[in-house]
PDB file of N, CA and C in Angstrom:
ATOM      1  N   UNK A   1      22.944 -22.267   1.580  1.00  0.00           N
ATOM      2  CA  UNK A   1      24.132 -21.900   1.758  1.00  0.00           C
ATOM      3  C   UNK A   1      24.851 -22.785   3.036  1.00  0.00           C
ATOM      4  N   UNK A   2      25.890 -23.414   2.692  1.00  0.00           N
ATOM      5  CA  UNK A   2      26.446 -24.209   3.874  1.00  0.00           C
ATOM      6  C   UNK A   2      26.957 -23.424   4.963  1.00  0.00           C
ATOM      7  N   UNK A   3      27.022 -24.072   6.032  1.00  0.00           N
ATOM      8  CA  UNK A   3      27.366 -23.322   7.357  1.00  0.00           C
ATOM      9  C   UNK A   3      28.753 -22.537   7.116  1.00  0.00           C
ATOM     10  N   UNK A   4      29.666 -23.170   6.595  1.00  0.00           N
ATOM     11  CA  UNK A   4      30.941 -22.496   6.447  1.00  0.00           C
ATOM     12  C   UNK A   4      30.980 -21.484   5.452  1.00  0.00           C
ATOM     13  N   UNK A   5      30.170 -21.469   4.489  1.00  0.00           N
ATOM     14  CA  UNK A   5      30.112 -20.410   3.618  1.00  0.00           C
ATOM     15  C   UNK A   5      29.341 -19.125   4.314  1.00  0.00           C
ATOM     16  N   UNK A   6      28.568 -19.414   5.142  1.00  0.00           N
ATOM     17  CA  UNK A   6      27.962 -18.282   5.849  1.00  0.00           C
ATOM     18  C   UNK A   6      28.811 -17.699   7.001  1.00  0.00           C
ATOM     19  N   UNK A   7      29.474 -18.608   7.434  1.00  0.00           N
ATOM     20  CA  UNK A   7      30.491 -18.164   8.617  1.00  0.00           C
ATOM     21  C   UNK A   7      31.637 -17.180   8.002  1.00  0.00           C
ATOM     22  N   UNK A   8      31.960 -17.658   6.610  1.00  0.00           N
ATOM     23  CA  UNK A   8      32.903 -16.955   5.998  1.00  0.00           C
ATOM     24  C   UNK A   8      32.390 -15.455   5.696  1.00  0.00           C
ATOM     25  N   UNK A   9      31.173 -15.300   5.008  1.00  0.00           N
ATOM     26  CA  UNK A   9      30.561 -14.304   4.810  1.00  0.00           C
ATOM     27  C   UNK A   9      30.364 -13.247   5.915  1.00  0.00           C
ATOM     28  N   UNK A  10      29.971 -13.691   6.929  1.00  0.00           N
ATOM     29  CA  UNK A  10      29.721 -13.033   8.364  1.00  0.00           C
ATOM     30  C   UNK A  10      31.034 -12.328   8.729  1.00  0.00           C
ATOM     31  N   UNK A  11      32.156 -13.173   8.656  1.00  0.00           N
ATOM     32  CA  UNK A  11      33.591 -12.569   9.013  1.00  0.00           C
ATOM     33  C   UNK A  11      34.141 -11.534   8.064  1.00  0.00           C
ATOM     34  N   UNK A  12      33.853 -11.588   6.841  1.00  0.00           N
ATOM     35  CA  UNK A  12      34.227 -10.659   5.935  1.00  0.00           C
ATOM     36  C   UNK A  12      33.414  -9.431   6.205  1.00  0.00           C
ATOM     37  N   UNK A  13      32.048  -9.564   6.114  1.00  0.00           N
ATOM     38  CA  UNK A  13      31.367  -8.423   6.608  1.00  0.00           C
ATOM     39  C   UNK A  13      31.821  -7.632   7.916  1.00  0.00           C
ATOM     40  N   UNK A  14      32.131  -8.570   8.992  1.00  0.00           N
ATOM     41  CA  UNK A  14      32.478  -7.911  10.233  1.00  0.00           C
ATOM     42  C   UNK A  14      33.757  -7.012   9.998  1.00  0.00           C
ATOM     43  N   UNK A  15      34.675  -7.672   9.437  1.00  0.00           N
ATOM     44  CA  UNK A  15      36.052  -7.025   9.035  1.00  0.00           C
ATOM     45  C   UNK A  15      35.859  -5.770   8.433  1.00  0.00           C
ATOM     46  N   UNK A  16      34.934  -5.570   7.295  1.00  0.00           N
ATOM     47  CA  UNK A  16      34.773  -4.444   6.327  1.00  0.00           C
ATOM     48  C   UNK A  16      33.961  -3.465   7.303  1.00  0.00           C
ATOM     49  N   UNK A  17      33.149  -3.986   8.099  1.00  0.00           N
ATOM     50  CA  UNK A  17      32.397  -2.945   8.805  1.00  0.00           C
ATOM     51  C   UNK A  17      33.299  -2.072   9.903  1.00  0.00           C
ATOM     52  N   UNK A  18      34.132  -3.054  10.663  1.00  0.00           N
ATOM     53  CA  UNK A  18      34.945  -2.557  11.391  1.00  0.00           C
ATOM     54  C   UNK A  18      36.198  -1.575  10.684  1.00  0.00           C
ATOM     55  N   UNK A  19      36.320  -1.631   9.592  1.00  0.00           N
ATOM     56  CA  UNK A  19      37.498  -0.844   8.743  1.00  0.00           C
ATOM     57  C   UNK A  19      36.783   0.407   8.275  1.00  0.00           C
ATOM     58  N   UNK A  20      35.507   0.361   8.086  1.00  0.00           N
ATOM     59  CA  UNK A  20      34.837   1.469   7.870  1.00  0.00           C
ATOM     60  C   UNK A  20      34.873   2.532   8.901  1.00  0.00           C
ATOM     61  N   UNK A  21      34.749   2.013  10.065  1.00  0.00           N
ATOM     62  CA  UNK A  21      34.736   2.924  11.327  1.00  0.00           C
ATOM     63  C   UNK A  21      36.067   3.724  11.482  1.00  0.00           C
ATOM     64  N   UNK A  22      37.171   3.066  11.287  1.00  0.00           N
ATOM     65  CA  UNK A  22      38.370   3.648  11.509  1.00  0.00           C
ATOM     66  C   UNK A  22      39.049   4.161  10.194  1.00  0.00           C
ATOM     67  N   UNK A  23      38.347   4.112   9.040  1.00  0.00           N
ATOM     68  CA  UNK A  23      39.233   4.440   7.726  1.00  0.00           C
ATOM     69  C   UNK A  23      39.338   6.021   7.743  1.00  0.00           C
ATOM     70  N   UNK A  24      38.432   6.640   8.302  1.00  0.00           N
ATOM     71  CA  UNK A  24      38.714   8.389   8.281  1.00  0.00           C
ATOM     72  C   UNK A  24      39.122   8.793   6.911  1.00  0.00           C
ATOM     73  N   UNK A  25      38.355   8.327   5.725  1.00  0.00           N
ATOM     74  CA  UNK A  25      38.605   8.778   4.481  1.00  0.00           C
ATOM     75  C   UNK A  25      39.632   8.436   3.784  1.00  0.00           C
ATOM     76  N   UNK A  26      40.318   7.318   4.365  1.00  0.00           N
ATOM     77  CA  UNK A  26      41.617   6.597   3.589  1.00  0.00           C
ATOM     78  C   UNK A  26      40.889   5.437   2.672  1.00  0.00           C
ATOM     79  N   UNK A  27      41.585   5.538   1.691  1.00  0.00           N
ATOM     80  CA  UNK A  27      41.270   4.175   0.773  1.00  0.00           C
ATOM     81  C   UNK A  27      41.335   2.899   1.262  1.00  0.00           C
ATOM     82  N   UNK A  28      40.713   1.911   0.770  1.00  0.00           N
ATOM     83  CA  UNK A  28      40.678   0.448   1.254  1.00  0.00           C
ATOM     84  C   UNK A  28      41.420  -0.177   0.380  1.00  0.00           C
ATOM     85  N   UNK A  29      42.586  -1.135   0.900  1.00  0.00           N
ATOM     86  CA  UNK A  29      43.212  -2.210   0.189  1.00  0.00           C
ATOM     87  C   UNK A  29      42.539  -3.553   0.394  1.00  0.00           C
ATOM     88  N   UNK A  30      41.860  -3.861  -0.714  1.00  0.00           N
ATOM     89  CA  UNK A  30      40.998  -5.003  -0.452  1.00  0.00           C
ATOM     90  C   UNK A  30      41.691  -6.260  -1.173  1.00  0.00           C
ATOM     91  N   UNK A  31      41.725  -7.287  -0.366  1.00  0.00           N
ATOM     92  CA  UNK A  31      42.451  -8.650  -0.890  1.00  0.00           C
ATOM     93  C   UNK A  31      41.632  -9.605  -1.218  1.00  0.00           C
ATOM     94  N   UNK A  32      41.597 -10.374  -2.299  1.00  0.00           N
ATOM     95  CA  UNK A  32      40.802 -11.655  -2.737  1.00  0.00           C
ATOM     96  C   UNK A  32      41.810 -12.439  -3.112  1.00  0.00           C
ATOM     97  N   UNK A  33      41.838 -13.993  -2.490  1.00  0.00           N
ATOM     98  CA  UNK A  33      42.700 -14.830  -2.997  1.00  0.00           C
ATOM     99  C   UNK A  33      41.846 -16.300  -3.401  1.00  0.00           C
ATOM    100  N   UNK A  34      42.269 -16.726  -4.369  1.00  0.00           N
ATOM    101  CA  UNK A  34      41.737 -18.164  -4.763  1.00  0.00           C
ATOM    102  C   UNK A  34      43.004 -19.264  -4.591  1.00  0.00           C
ATOM    103  N   UNK A  35      42.688 -20.315  -4.928  1.00  0.00           N
ATOM    104  CA  UNK A  35      43.800 -21.336  -4.953  1.00  0.00           C
ATOM    105  C   UNK A  35      44.883 -21.108  -5.632  1.00  0.00           C
ATOM    106  N   UNK A  36      44.708 -20.542  -6.891  1.00  0.00           N
ATOM    107  CA  UNK A  36      45.782 -20.182  -7.863  1.00  0.00           C
ATOM    108  C   UNK A  36      46.254 -18.803  -8.090  1.00  0.00           C
ATOM    109  N   UNK A  37      45.283 -17.970  -7.615  1.00  0.00           N
ATOM    110  CA  UNK A  37      45.716 -16.476  -8.142  1.00  0.00           C
ATOM    111  C   UNK A  37      45.355 -15.398  -6.769  1.00  0.00           C
ATOM    112  N   UNK A  38      45.863 -14.392  -6.654  1.00  0.00           N
ATOM    113  CA  UNK A  38      45.510 -13.395  -5.748  1.00  0.00           C
ATOM    114  C   UNK A  38      45.386 -12.066  -6.453  1.00  0.00           C
ATOM    115  N   UNK A  39      44.238 -11.448  -5.957  1.00  0.00           N
ATOM    116  CA  UNK A  39      43.673 -10.235  -6.548  1.00  0.00           C
ATOM    117  C   UNK A  39      43.783  -9.066  -5.444  1.00  0.00           C
ATOM    118  N   UNK A  40      44.095  -7.742  -5.845  1.00  0.00           N
ATOM    119  CA  UNK A  40      44.110  -6.684  -4.889  1.00  0.00           C
ATOM    120  C   UNK A  40      43.578  -5.408  -5.455  1.00  0.00           C
ATOM    121  N   UNK A  41      42.819  -4.732  -4.833  1.00  0.00           N
ATOM    122  CA  UNK A  41      42.356  -3.298  -5.265  1.00  0.00           C
ATOM    123  C   UNK A  41      42.485  -2.236  -4.262  1.00  0.00           C
ATOM    124  N   UNK A  42      42.614  -1.129  -4.630  1.00  0.00           N
ATOM    125  CA  UNK A  42      42.767   0.071  -3.852  1.00  0.00           C
ATOM    126  C   UNK A  42      41.243   0.734  -4.220  1.00  0.00           C
ATOM    127  N   UNK A  43      40.488   0.834  -3.123  1.00  0.00           N
ATOM    128  CA  UNK A  43      39.113   1.394  -3.447  1.00  0.00           C
ATOM    129  C   UNK A  43      38.803   2.470  -2.551  1.00  0.00           C
ATOM    130  N   UNK A  44      38.244   3.502  -3.212  1.00  0.00           N
ATOM    131  CA  UNK A  44      37.652   4.703  -2.511  1.00  0.00           C
ATOM    132  C   UNK A  44      36.152   4.473  -2.246  1.00  0.00           C
ATOM    133  N   UNK A  45      35.862   4.057  -0.876  1.00  0.00           N
ATOM    134  CA  UNK A  45      34.484   3.799  -0.660  1.00  0.00           C
ATOM    135  C   UNK A  45      33.604   4.965  -0.540  1.00  0.00           C
ATOM    136  N   UNK A  46      34.167   6.350  -0.414  1.00  0.00           N
ATOM    137  CA  UNK A  46      33.266   7.468  -0.466  1.00  0.00           C
ATOM    138  C   UNK A  46      32.807   7.887  -1.896  1.00  0.00           C
ATOM    139  N   UNK A  47      33.572   7.523  -2.753  1.00  0.00           N
ATOM    140  CA  UNK A  47      33.217   7.774  -4.364  1.00  0.00           C
ATOM    141  C   UNK A  47      32.543   6.510  -4.994  1.00  0.00           C
ATOM    142  N   UNK A  48      32.997   5.374  -4.337  1.00  0.00           N
ATOM    143  CA  UNK A  48      32.718   4.139  -4.809  1.00  0.00           C
ATOM    144  C   UNK A  48      33.415   3.927  -6.156  1.00  0.00           C
ATOM    145  N   UNK A  49      34.639   4.220  -6.029  1.00  0.00           N
ATOM    146  CA  UNK A  49      35.582   3.987  -7.277  1.00  0.00           C
ATOM    147  C   UNK A  49      36.784   3.201  -6.951  1.00  0.00           C
ATOM    148  N   UNK A  50      37.332   2.443  -7.933  1.00  0.00           N
ATOM    149  CA  UNK A  50      38.482   1.484  -7.642  1.00  0.00           C
ATOM    150  C   UNK A  50      39.634   2.400  -8.378  1.00  0.00           C
ATOM    151  N   UNK A  51      40.533   2.730  -7.444  1.00  0.00           N
ATOM    152  CA  UNK A  51      41.666   3.609  -7.952  1.00  0.00           C
ATOM    153  C   UNK A  51      42.866   2.843  -8.396  1.00  0.00           C
ATOM    154  N   UNK A  52      43.040   1.661  -8.053  1.00  0.00           N
ATOM    155  CA  UNK A  52      44.181   0.823  -8.569  1.00  0.00           C
ATOM    156  C   UNK A  52      43.978  -0.477  -8.270  1.00  0.00           C
ATOM    157  N   UNK A  53      44.559  -1.339  -9.305  1.00  0.00           N
ATOM    158  CA  UNK A  53      44.318  -2.864  -9.091  1.00  0.00           C
ATOM    159  C   UNK A  53      45.347  -3.713  -9.805  1.00  0.00           C
ATOM    160  N   UNK A  54      45.529  -4.813  -9.225  1.00  0.00           N
ATOM    161  CA  UNK A  54      46.652  -5.782  -9.532  1.00  0.00           C
ATOM    162  C   UNK A  54      46.524  -7.308  -9.177  1.00  0.00           C
ATOM    163  N   UNK A  55      46.822  -8.051  -9.988  1.00  0.00           N
ATOM    164  CA  UNK A  55      46.644  -9.663  -9.717  1.00  0.00           C
ATOM    165  C   UNK A  55      47.691 -10.448 -10.429  1.00  0.00           C
ATOM    166  N   UNK A  56      47.630 -11.692 -10.121  1.00  0.00           N
ATOM    167  CA  UNK A  56      48.815 -12.706 -10.637  1.00  0.00           C
ATOM    168  C   UNK A  56      48.357 -13.012 -12.136  1.00  0.00           C
ATOM    169  N   UNK A  57      47.112 -12.543 -12.509  1.00  0.00           N
ATOM    170  CA  UNK A  57      46.829 -12.853 -13.933  1.00  0.00           C
ATOM    171  C   UNK A  57      47.590 -11.849 -14.778  1.00  0.00           C
ATOM    172  N   UNK A  58      48.039 -10.888 -14.526  1.00  0.00           N
ATOM    173  CA  UNK A  58      48.692  -9.851 -15.420  1.00  0.00           C
ATOM    174  C   UNK A  58      49.696 -10.503 -15.964  1.00  0.00           C
ATOM    175  N   UNK A  59      50.166 -10.260 -17.264  1.00  0.00           N
ATOM    176  CA  UNK A  59      51.366 -10.758 -17.831  1.00  0.00           C
ATOM    177  C   UNK A  59      52.548 -10.069 -17.161  1.00  0.00           C
ATOM    178  N   UNK A  60      53.642 -10.812 -17.003  1.00  0.00           N
ATOM    179  CA  UNK A  60      54.899 -10.401 -16.456  1.00  0.00           C
ATOM    180  C   UNK A  60      54.978 -10.326 -14.919  1.00  0.00           C
ATOM    181  N   UNK A  61      53.796 -10.649 -14.317  1.00  0.00           N
ATOM    182  CA  UNK A  61      53.975 -10.484 -12.829  1.00  0.00           C
ATOM    183  C   UNK A  61      54.690 -11.730 -12.188  1.00  0.00           C
ATOM    184  N   UNK A  62      53.979 -13.036 -12.787  1.00  0.00           N
ATOM    185  CA  UNK A  62      54.676 -14.326 -12.182  1.00  0.00           C
ATOM    186  C   UNK A  62      54.893 -15.208 -13.460  1.00  0.00           C
ATOM    187  N   UNK A  63      55.592 -16.265 -13.089  1.00  0.00           N
ATOM    188  CA  UNK A  63      55.696 -17.232 -14.107  1.00  0.00           C
ATOM    189  C   UNK A  63      54.515 -18.035 -14.331  1.00  0.00           C
ATOM    190  N   UNK A  64      54.308 -18.557 -15.339  1.00  0.00           N
ATOM    191  CA  UNK A  64      53.023 -19.313 -15.720  1.00  0.00           C
ATOM    192  C   UNK A  64      52.937 -20.549 -14.786  1.00  0.00           C
ATOM    193  N   UNK A  65      51.623 -20.459 -14.215  1.00  0.00           N
ATOM    194  CA  UNK A  65      51.226 -21.426 -13.218  1.00  0.00           C
ATOM    195  C   UNK A  65      51.859 -21.186 -11.825  1.00  0.00           C
ATOM    196  N   UNK A  66      52.436 -20.156 -11.554  1.00  0.00           N
ATOM    197  CA  UNK A  66      52.945 -19.939 -10.423  1.00  0.00           C
ATOM    198  C   UNK A  66      52.249 -18.719  -9.658  1.00  0.00           C
ATOM    199  N   UNK A  67      50.987 -18.686  -9.656  1.00  0.00           N
ATOM    200  CA  UNK A  67      50.167 -17.565  -9.102  1.00  0.00           C
ATOM    201  C   UNK A  67      49.779 -17.823  -7.635  1.00  0.00           C
ATOM    202  N   UNK A  68      49.814 -19.053  -7.195  1.00  0.00           N
ATOM    203  CA  UNK A  68      49.433 -19.156  -5.905  1.00  0.00           C
ATOM    204  C   UNK A  68      50.387 -19.499  -4.815  1.00  0.00           C
ATOM    205  N   UNK A  69      51.468 -18.689  -5.086  1.00  0.00           N
ATOM    206  CA  UNK A  69      52.567 -19.068  -3.977  1.00  0.00           C
ATOM    207  C   UNK A  69      52.946 -17.767  -3.353  1.00  0.00           C
ATOM    208  N   UNK A  70      53.792 -17.753  -2.465  1.00  0.00           N
ATOM    209  CA  UNK A  70      53.993 -16.526  -1.644  1.00  0.00           C
ATOM    210  C   UNK A  70      54.750 -15.387  -2.429  1.00  0.00           C
ATOM    211  N   UNK A  71      55.752 -15.828  -3.372  1.00  0.00           N
ATOM    212  CA  UNK A  71      56.556 -15.010  -3.989  1.00  0.00           C
ATOM    213  C   UNK A  71      55.658 -14.180  -5.115  1.00  0.00           C
ATOM    214  N   UNK A  72      54.677 -14.926  -5.602  1.00  0.00           N
ATOM    215  CA  UNK A  72      53.599 -14.227  -6.499  1.00  0.00           C
ATOM    216  C   UNK A  72      52.801 -13.086  -5.674  1.00  0.00           C
ATOM    217  N   UNK A  73      52.580 -13.371  -4.619  1.00  0.00           N
ATOM    218  CA  UNK A  73      51.705 -12.665  -3.580  1.00  0.00           C
ATOM    219  C   UNK A  73      52.509 -11.339  -3.368  1.00  0.00           C
ATOM    220  N   UNK A  74      53.981 -11.502  -3.279  1.00  0.00           N
ATOM    221  CA  UNK A  74      54.781 -10.373  -2.898  1.00  0.00           C
ATOM    222  C   UNK A  74      54.866  -9.623  -4.094  1.00  0.00           C
ATOM    223  N   UNK A  75      54.970 -10.267  -5.217  1.00  0.00           N
ATOM    224  CA  UNK A  75      55.247  -9.378  -6.576  1.00  0.00           C
ATOM    225  C   UNK A  75      53.956  -8.509  -6.656  1.00  0.00           C
ATOM    226  N   UNK A  76      52.880  -9.076  -6.448  1.00  0.00           N
ATOM    227  CA  UNK A  76      51.519  -8.193  -6.453  1.00  0.00           C
ATOM    228  C   UNK A  76      51.374  -7.148  -5.540  1.00  0.00           C
ATOM    229  N   UNK A  77      51.947  -7.266  -4.449  1.00  0.00           N
ATOM    230  CA  UNK A  77      51.999  -6.389  -3.443  1.00  0.00           C
ATOM    231  C   UNK A  77      53.042  -5.083  -3.826  1.00  0.00           C
ATOM    232  N   UNK A  78      54.033  -5.497  -4.420  1.00  0.00           N
ATOM    233  CA  UNK A  78      54.964  -4.327  -4.644  1.00  0.00           C
ATOM    234  C   UNK A  78      54.218  -3.703  -5.951  1.00  0.00           C
ATOM    235  N   UNK A  79      53.674  -4.380  -6.816  1.00  0.00           N
ATOM    236  CA  UNK A  79      52.874  -3.551  -8.081  1.00  0.00           C
ATOM    237  C   UNK A  79      51.899  -2.755  -7.656  1.00  0.00           C
ATOM    238  N   UNK A  80      51.012  -3.166  -6.534  1.00  0.00           N
ATOM    239  CA  UNK A  80      49.955  -2.368  -6.257  1.00  0.00           C
ATOM    240  C   UNK A  80      50.387  -1.281  -5.421  1.00  0.00           C
ATOM    241  N   UNK A  81      51.501  -1.409  -4.770  1.00  0.00           N
ATOM    242  CA  UNK A  81      52.119  -0.207  -4.082  1.00  0.00           C
ATOM    243  C   UNK A  81      52.429   0.837  -5.156  1.00  0.00           C
ATOM    244  N   UNK A  82      53.219   0.463  -6.226  1.00  0.00           N
ATOM    245  CA  UNK A  82      53.611   1.280  -7.177  1.00  0.00           C
ATOM    246  C   UNK A  82      52.488   1.947  -7.743  1.00  0.00           C
ATOM    247  N   UNK A  83      51.391   1.359  -8.212  1.00  0.00           N
ATOM    248  CA  UNK A  83      50.145   1.824  -8.774  1.00  0.00           C
ATOM    249  C   UNK A  83      49.370   2.840  -8.037  1.00  0.00           C
ATOM    250  N   UNK A  84      49.453   2.587  -6.676  1.00  0.00           N
ATOM    251  CA  UNK A  84      48.679   3.357  -5.721  1.00  0.00           C
ATOM    252  C   UNK A  84      49.355   4.541  -5.423  1.00  0.00           C
ATOM    253  N   UNK A  85      50.811   4.541  -5.175  1.00  0.00           N
ATOM    254  CA  UNK A  85      51.480   5.870  -5.278  1.00  0.00           C
ATOM    255  C   UNK A  85      51.485   6.887  -6.488  1.00  0.00           C
ATOM    256  N   UNK A  86      51.281   6.092  -7.549  1.00  0.00           N
ATOM    257  CA  UNK A  86      51.186   6.842  -9.005  1.00  0.00           C
ATOM    258  C   UNK A  86      49.944   7.431  -8.893  1.00  0.00           C
ATOM    259  N   UNK A  87      48.892   6.769  -8.332  1.00  0.00           N
ATOM    260  CA  UNK A  87      47.393   7.426  -8.295  1.00  0.00           C
ATOM    261  C   UNK A  87      47.307   8.602  -7.067  1.00  0.00           C
ATOM    262  N   UNK A  88      48.379   8.623  -6.411  1.00  0.00           N
ATOM    263  CA  UNK A  88      48.320   9.702  -5.459  1.00  0.00           C
ATOM    264  C   UNK A  88      47.955   9.172  -3.952  1.00  0.00           C
ATOM    265  N   UNK A  89      48.010   7.748  -3.836  1.00  0.00           N
ATOM    266  CA  UNK A  89      47.465   7.222  -2.524  1.00  0.00           C
ATOM    267  C   UNK A  89      48.693   6.845  -1.718  1.00  0.00           C
ATOM    268  N   UNK A  90      48.763   7.259  -0.482  1.00  0.00           N
ATOM    269  CA  UNK A  90      49.922   6.920   0.401  1.00  0.00           C
ATOM    270  C   UNK A  90      49.486   5.966   1.519  1.00  0.00           C
ATOM    271  N   UNK A  91      48.302   6.482   2.126  1.00  0.00           N
ATOM    272  CA  UNK A  91      47.756   5.766   3.285  1.00  0.00           C
ATOM    273  C   UNK A  91      46.538   4.942   3.120  1.00  0.00           C
ATOM    274  N   UNK A  92      46.424   3.728   3.496  1.00  0.00           N
ATOM    275  CA  UNK A  92      45.344   2.961   3.190  1.00  0.00           C
ATOM    276  C   UNK A  92      44.889   2.104   4.411  1.00  0.00           C
ATOM    277  N   UNK A  93      43.837   1.540   4.362  1.00  0.00           N
ATOM    278  CA  UNK A  93      43.511   0.522   5.456  1.00  0.00           C
ATOM    279  C   UNK A  93      43.211  -0.822   4.795  1.00  0.00           C
ATOM    280  N   UNK A  94      43.810  -1.701   5.579  1.00  0.00           N
ATOM    281  CA  UNK A  94      44.144  -3.100   4.938  1.00  0.00           C
ATOM    282  C   UNK A  94      42.805  -3.996   5.125  1.00  0.00           C
ATOM    283  N   UNK A  95      42.197  -4.442   4.126  1.00  0.00           N
ATOM    284  CA  UNK A  95      40.940  -5.161   4.135  1.00  0.00           C
ATOM    285  C   UNK A  95      41.298  -6.546   3.742  1.00  0.00           C
ATOM    286  N   UNK A  96      41.568  -7.399   4.802  1.00  0.00           N
ATOM    287  CA  UNK A  96      42.015  -8.910   4.323  1.00  0.00           C
ATOM    288  C   UNK A  96      40.537  -9.827   4.207  1.00  0.00           C
ATOM    289  N   UNK A  97      39.501  -9.173   4.410  1.00  0.00           N
ATOM    290  CA  UNK A  97      38.217  -9.907   4.226  1.00  0.00           C
ATOM    291  C   UNK A  97      38.114 -10.948   5.250  1.00  0.00           C
ATOM    292  N   UNK A  98      37.792 -12.249   4.818  1.00  0.00           N
ATOM    293  CA  UNK A  98      37.602 -13.416   5.754  1.00  0.00           C
ATOM    294  C   UNK A  98      38.893 -14.194   5.881  1.00  0.00           C
ATOM    295  N   UNK A  99      39.944 -13.684   5.268  1.00  0.00           N
ATOM    296  CA  UNK A  99      41.232 -14.338   5.098  1.00  0.00           C
ATOM    297  C   UNK A  99      42.110 -14.107   6.379  1.00  0.00           C
ATOM    298  N   UNK A 100      42.873 -15.154   6.782  1.00  0.00           N
ATOM    299  CA  UNK A 100      43.637 -14.923   8.048  1.00  0.00           C
ATOM    300  C   UNK A 100      45.001 -14.056   7.545  1.00  0.00           C
ATOM    301  N   UNK A 101      45.569 -13.335   8.425  1.00  0.00           N
ATOM    302  CA  UNK A 101      46.753 -12.459   8.069  1.00  0.00           C
ATOM    303  C   UNK A 101      47.939 -13.511   8.326  1.00  0.00           C
ATOM    304  N   UNK A 102      48.098 -14.425   7.187  1.00  0.00           N
ATOM    305  CA  UNK A 102      49.265 -15.265   7.267  1.00  0.00           C
ATOM    306  C   UNK A 102      49.422 -15.717   5.682  1.00  0.00           C
ATOM    307  N   UNK A 103      50.585 -16.281   5.500  1.00  0.00           N
ATOM    308  CA  UNK A 103      51.057 -16.771   4.105  1.00  0.00           C
ATOM    309  C   UNK A 103      50.854 -15.647   3.102  1.00  0.00           C
ATOM    310  N   UNK A 104      50.073 -15.946   2.095  1.00  0.00           N
ATOM    311  CA  UNK A 104      50.183 -15.095   0.873  1.00  0.00           C
ATOM    312  C   UNK A 104      49.406 -13.780   1.187  1.00  0.00           C
ATOM    313  N   UNK A 105      48.537 -13.683   2.112  1.00  0.00           N
ATOM    314  CA  UNK A 105      48.087 -12.328   2.393  1.00  0.00           C
ATOM    315  C   UNK A 105      49.096 -11.504   3.268  1.00  0.00           C
ATOM    316  N   UNK A 106      49.810 -12.046   4.039  1.00  0.00           N
ATOM    317  CA  UNK A 106      50.829 -11.560   4.693  1.00  0.00           C
ATOM    318  C   UNK A 106      51.990 -11.093   3.947  1.00  0.00           C
ATOM    319  N   UNK A 107      52.240 -12.002   2.985  1.00  0.00           N
ATOM    320  CA  UNK A 107      53.356 -11.484   2.113  1.00  0.00           C
ATOM    321  C   UNK A 107      52.920 -10.317   1.139  1.00  0.00           C
ATOM    322  N   UNK A 108      51.662 -10.428   0.785  1.00  0.00           N
ATOM    323  CA  UNK A 108      51.226  -9.160  -0.023  1.00  0.00           C
ATOM    324  C   UNK A 108      51.274  -7.776   0.660  1.00  0.00           C
ATOM    325  N   UNK A 109      50.864  -7.981   2.063  1.00  0.00           N
ATOM    326  CA  UNK A 109      50.929  -7.012   2.805  1.00  0.00           C
ATOM    327  C   UNK A 109      52.238  -6.213   3.155  1.00  0.00           C
ATOM    328  N   UNK A 110      53.213  -7.062   3.506  1.00  0.00           N
ATOM    329  CA  UNK A 110      54.549  -6.753   3.662  1.00  0.00           C
ATOM    330  C   UNK A 110      55.191  -6.195   2.438  1.00  0.00           C
ATOM    331  N   UNK A 111      54.777  -6.701   1.275  1.00  0.00           N
ATOM    332  CA  UNK A 111      55.346  -5.916   0.037  1.00  0.00           C
ATOM    333  C   UNK A 111      54.723  -4.619  -0.282  1.00  0.00           C
ATOM    334  N   UNK A 112      53.489  -4.691   0.064  1.00  0.00           N
ATOM    335  CA  UNK A 112      53.036  -3.151  -0.206  1.00  0.00           C
ATOM    336  C   UNK A 112      53.522  -2.168   0.777  1.00  0.00           C
ATOM    337  N   UNK A 113      53.919  -2.657   1.919  1.00  0.00           N
ATOM    338  CA  UNK A 113      54.425  -1.577   3.075  1.00  0.00           C
ATOM    339  C   UNK A 113      55.753  -1.257   2.415  1.00  0.00           C
ATOM    340  N   UNK A 114      56.553  -2.288   1.935  1.00  0.00           N
ATOM    341  CA  UNK A 114      57.990  -1.933   1.449  1.00  0.00           C
ATOM    342  C   UNK A 114      57.922  -0.944   0.269  1.00  0.00           C
ATOM    343  N   UNK A 115      56.922  -1.198  -0.555  1.00  0.00           N
ATOM    344  CA  UNK A 115      56.706  -0.385  -1.762  1.00  0.00           C
ATOM    345  C   UNK A 115      56.226   1.081  -1.592  1.00  0.00           C
ATOM    346  N   UNK A 116      55.890   1.391  -0.165  1.00  0.00           N
ATOM    347  CA  UNK A 116      55.643   2.893   0.031  1.00  0.00           C
ATOM    348  C   UNK A 116      54.193   3.124   0.783  1.00  0.00           C
ATOM    349  N   UNK A 117      53.204   2.006   0.795  1.00  0.00           N
ATOM    350  CA  UNK A 117      52.008   2.322   1.340  1.00  0.00           C
ATOM    351  C   UNK A 117      52.025   2.131   2.809  1.00  0.00           C
ATOM    352  N   UNK A 118      51.165   2.972   3.573  1.00  0.00           N
ATOM    353  CA  UNK A 118      51.328   2.717   5.061  1.00  0.00           C
ATOM    354  C   UNK A 118      50.110   2.259   5.574  1.00  0.00           C
ATOM    355  N   UNK A 119      49.763   1.298   6.435  1.00  0.00           N
ATOM    356  CA  UNK A 119      48.580   0.902   6.939  1.00  0.00           C
ATOM    357  C   UNK A 119      49.001   0.228   8.288  1.00  0.00           C
TER     358      UNK A 119
END
């Protein structure tokens, strides 16, 4: 494994470990992004179940070929907030993984907060 891949893996594990300490039974809003898409899940770690999910790959979320921009991330944030509240989830902990809280990750988080999730 390359040095940067090891660093990324360690950073993600550190963030997840710290989140589990402060979660207090709340679900985890986990974000994964690639160059072209962004994916988000609401996960209940106690039961090991995914409660809600959304991504830019779903039809009607974004225009074709525009999954890697801030507007698409914002649309996914609103969608996950809607689905999580429908599943009865209001409070979550935000798991950004190894990604910096900037750009698409930040846009997704702000849209999820506007949609009714609190973290």
